[in-house]
Amino acid sequence: MPDPSPAVSSDAPARRISRGPVIVLIVGAALAVSLVLLGAELAGAPGPTPAPSALPGTDAQPREVNVIMRDYHFDPTPLYLYPGETIRLNVFNAGMLPHELVLGDNSVQQAWTAADAAATPPGAFATAPPASVDPSVGGLRVLLGSGESTSVVYRVPTGQALQMLCHLPGHLEHGMAGEVVLLSR
């Protein structure tokens, strides 16, 4: 019976495999990893703090103030406000998680801390239902999911030290607090 396998000639030159595609793949992977690490570093760094506006906002012309919520920090910080002015607060959640911005004095912050804690079910990965406080508490609370934005007209109170915090479970512990500087007119 004849052999069905083809005969291999030992006279044929050996075929060399090019290393070029392997080198391109390794360099490309190293570049991709470097870009991801650089992007992560830049995303975690706070943005530049804009200089305070020379003119406080009024009821007729609220001053535009932009705040970006990221995962566990606010941009800008500090936030410059004038006591008694009216602002249009434009808030954008650029984080991957829901975040809240609570703007108010210590009593407002304590009320939202208690409300968010009471609304949070036990468990490591539990999702808190909506929380609320009595409207007489005052202050401002904006709650946004990832990628959401809103604008709110707000009159900055006088005679109070303000704080900007996120009271969602674990967020304040990760450092999600922004400084508020009250300017004199």
Protein backbone atom coordinates (compact mmCIF):
# COMPACT_ATOMS: atom_id res chain seq x y z
CA MET A 1 0.00 0.00 0.00
CA PRO A 2 1.41 3.39 -0.96
CA ASP A 3 2.15 6.00 1.75
CA PRO A 4 -0.66 8.69 1.62
CA SER A 5 1.44 11.39 3.30
CA PRO A 6 3.24 13.76 0.95
CA ALA A 7 6.95 13.54 0.84
CA VAL A 8 8.85 16.38 2.44
CA SER A 9 11.90 17.47 0.57
CA SER A 10 14.89 18.21 2.72
CA ASP A 11 16.21 20.45 -0.03
CA ALA A 12 13.52 23.16 0.57
CA PRO A 13 14.84 26.21 2.49
CA ALA A 14 13.48 26.61 6.04
CA ARG A 15 10.85 29.34 6.27
CA ARG A 16 11.63 32.04 8.83
CA ILE A 17 8.83 33.49 10.94
CA SER A 18 8.92 37.27 11.13
CA ARG A 19 9.21 38.80 14.60
CA GLY A 20 7.79 42.13 13.38
CA PRO A 21 4.12 41.44 14.31
CA VAL A 22 5.15 40.24 17.78
CA ILE A 23 7.20 43.39 18.39
CA VAL A 24 4.36 45.62 17.14
CA LEU A 25 1.92 43.79 19.44
CA ILE A 26 4.19 44.21 22.51
CA VAL A 27 4.84 47.91 21.80
CA GLY A 28 1.12 48.51 21.19
CA ALA A 29 0.15 46.79 24.46
CA ALA A 30 2.74 48.79 26.40
CA LEU A 31 1.46 52.03 24.85
CA ALA A 32 -2.17 51.11 25.67
CA VAL A 33 -1.31 50.32 29.30
CA SER A 34 0.64 53.59 29.60
CA LEU A 35 -2.29 55.61 28.24
CA VAL A 36 -4.75 53.92 30.61
CA LEU A 37 -2.51 54.63 33.60
CA LEU A 38 -2.01 58.25 32.52
CA GLY A 39 -5.75 58.71 32.03
CA ALA A 40 -6.48 57.27 35.47
CA GLU A 41 -3.93 59.64 37.03
CA LEU A 42 -5.37 62.68 35.25
CA ALA A 43 -8.97 61.72 36.07
CA GLY A 44 -8.14 61.56 39.77
CA ALA A 45 -6.38 64.92 39.85
CA PRO A 46 -8.45 67.96 40.79
CA GLY A 47 -9.12 70.46 38.06
CA PRO A 48 -7.81 74.00 38.21
CA THR A 49 -9.67 76.31 40.58
CA PRO A 50 -11.15 79.24 38.72
CA ALA A 51 -10.60 82.69 40.19
CA PRO A 52 -13.62 84.14 41.94
CA SER A 53 -15.84 86.42 39.90
CA ALA A 54 -15.55 90.11 40.73
CA LEU A 55 -19.33 90.53 40.62
CA PRO A 56 -21.77 88.64 42.84
CA GLY A 57 -24.91 87.29 41.22
CA THR A 58 -28.30 88.92 41.63
CA ASP A 59 -31.88 87.66 41.40
CA ALA A 60 -32.13 89.28 37.95
CA GLN A 61 -28.75 87.90 36.83
CA PRO A 62 -27.59 84.85 38.79
CA ARG A 63 -23.86 84.20 38.57
CA GLU A 64 -23.00 80.95 36.76
CA VAL A 65 -21.17 78.48 39.02
CA ASN A 66 -20.15 75.06 37.68
CA VAL A 67 -19.40 72.03 39.83
CA ILE A 68 -18.31 68.63 38.51
CA MET A 69 -18.80 65.65 40.80
CA ARG A 70 -16.27 62.91 40.20
CA ASP A 71 -15.79 59.68 42.04
CA TYR A 72 -14.99 60.96 45.51
CA HIS A 73 -14.17 64.61 44.84
CA PHE A 74 -15.67 67.88 43.62
CA ASP A 75 -14.22 70.23 40.99
CA PRO A 76 -13.57 73.03 41.69
CA THR A 77 -12.55 73.14 45.28
CA PRO A 78 -12.56 75.64 46.81
CA LEU A 79 -15.89 76.95 45.58
CA TYR A 80 -15.99 80.76 45.85
CA LEU A 81 -19.35 82.30 46.81
CA TYR A 82 -20.56 85.69 48.05
CA PRO A 83 -22.96 85.70 51.03
CA GLY A 84 -26.42 86.81 49.87
CA GLU A 85 -25.75 86.41 46.15
CA THR A 86 -27.91 84.41 43.76
CA ILE A 87 -26.15 81.76 41.69
CA ARG A 88 -27.14 79.36 38.95
CA LEU A 89 -25.40 76.19 40.12
CA ASN A 90 -24.70 73.90 37.16
CA VAL A 91 -23.86 70.43 38.49
CA PHE A 92 -22.58 67.51 36.40
CA ASN A 93 -21.84 64.00 37.66
CA ALA A 94 -18.77 62.85 35.72
CA GLY A 95 -18.25 59.89 38.06
CA MET A 96 -19.16 56.26 37.53
CA LEU A 97 -21.37 56.25 40.65
CA PRO A 98 -24.35 58.30 41.81
CA HIS A 99 -23.27 61.33 43.87
CA GLU A 100 -24.94 64.08 45.81
CA LEU A 101 -23.93 67.66 46.45
CA VAL A 102 -25.19 69.02 49.76
CA LEU A 103 -24.45 72.72 50.21
CA GLY A 104 -25.19 74.18 53.61
CA ASP A 105 -24.02 74.85 57.14
CA ASN A 106 -23.24 72.22 59.77
CA SER A 107 -26.93 71.68 60.73
CA VAL A 108 -27.82 71.01 57.06
CA GLN A 109 -24.92 68.55 56.76
CA GLN A 110 -25.93 66.72 59.97
CA ALA A 111 -29.54 66.42 58.75
CA TRP A 112 -28.44 64.85 55.44
CA THR A 113 -25.94 62.56 57.18
CA ALA A 114 -28.76 61.22 59.36
CA ALA A 115 -31.23 60.96 56.46
CA ASP A 116 -28.83 59.07 54.18
CA ALA A 117 -27.79 56.75 57.03
CA ALA A 118 -31.42 55.99 57.93
CA ALA A 119 -32.30 55.28 54.29
CA THR A 120 -29.37 52.93 53.70
CA PRO A 121 -30.23 49.26 54.16
CA PRO A 122 -27.69 47.02 55.90
CA GLY A 123 -25.33 45.13 53.62
CA ALA A 124 -22.12 45.82 51.79
CA PHE A 125 -23.65 46.31 48.33
CA ALA A 126 -27.10 47.58 49.27
CA THR A 127 -28.58 50.45 47.27
CA ALA A 128 -30.06 53.20 49.39
CA PRO A 129 -33.58 54.37 48.57
CA PRO A 130 -34.15 58.12 48.20
CA ALA A 131 -33.58 60.06 51.42
CA SER A 132 -35.20 63.33 52.45
CA VAL A 133 -35.14 65.92 55.20
CA ASP A 134 -37.70 68.44 56.37
CA PRO A 135 -37.71 71.47 54.01
CA SER A 136 -37.21 73.79 56.99
CA VAL A 137 -33.64 72.42 57.30
CA GLY A 138 -32.62 74.61 54.36
CA GLY A 139 -29.50 74.20 52.31
CA LEU A 140 -29.34 72.62 48.89
CA ARG A 141 -29.13 68.97 47.84
CA VAL A 142 -28.55 67.74 44.30
CA LEU A 143 -28.55 63.96 43.69
CA LEU A 144 -27.40 62.78 40.25
CA GLY A 145 -26.67 59.46 38.61
CA SER A 146 -23.59 58.91 36.48
CA GLY A 147 -23.59 61.24 33.46
CA GLU A 148 -26.55 63.33 34.66
CA SER A 149 -26.55 67.10 35.06
CA THR A 150 -28.86 69.81 36.35
CA SER A 151 -29.01 73.55 37.01
CA VAL A 152 -30.42 75.06 40.19
CA VAL A 153 -30.90 78.71 41.14
CA TYR A 154 -29.74 79.16 44.74
CA ARG A 155 -29.44 82.12 47.09
CA VAL A 156 -26.28 81.83 49.18
CA PRO A 157 -27.17 82.35 52.85
CA THR A 158 -25.51 85.04 54.94
CA GLY A 159 -23.89 84.58 58.33
CA GLN A 160 -23.13 80.87 57.89
CA ALA A 161 -20.02 78.84 57.17
CA LEU A 162 -20.90 76.56 54.26
CA GLN A 163 -19.72 73.07 53.42
CA MET A 164 -20.06 71.03 50.20
CA LEU A 165 -20.32 67.29 50.96
CA CYS A 166 -21.58 63.98 49.55
CA HIS A 167 -23.29 61.93 52.26
CA LEU A 168 -24.01 58.78 50.23
CA PRO A 169 -22.70 55.72 52.07
CA GLY A 170 -18.89 55.60 51.99
CA HIS A 171 -18.41 58.72 49.85
CA LEU A 172 -17.48 61.14 52.62
CA GLU A 173 -15.13 58.51 54.05
CA HIS A 174 -13.39 58.40 50.64
CA GLY A 175 -12.86 62.17 50.81
CA MET A 176 -15.84 63.55 48.86
CA ALA A 177 -15.84 66.95 50.52
CA GLY A 178 -15.29 70.31 48.88
CA GLU A 179 -14.18 73.55 50.47
CA VAL A 180 -16.45 76.61 50.23
CA VAL A 181 -14.86 80.06 50.58
CA LEU A 182 -17.20 82.95 51.31
CA LEU A 183 -15.90 86.20 49.86
CA SER A 184 -16.59 89.70 51.08
CA ARG A 185 -18.14 92.14 48.63
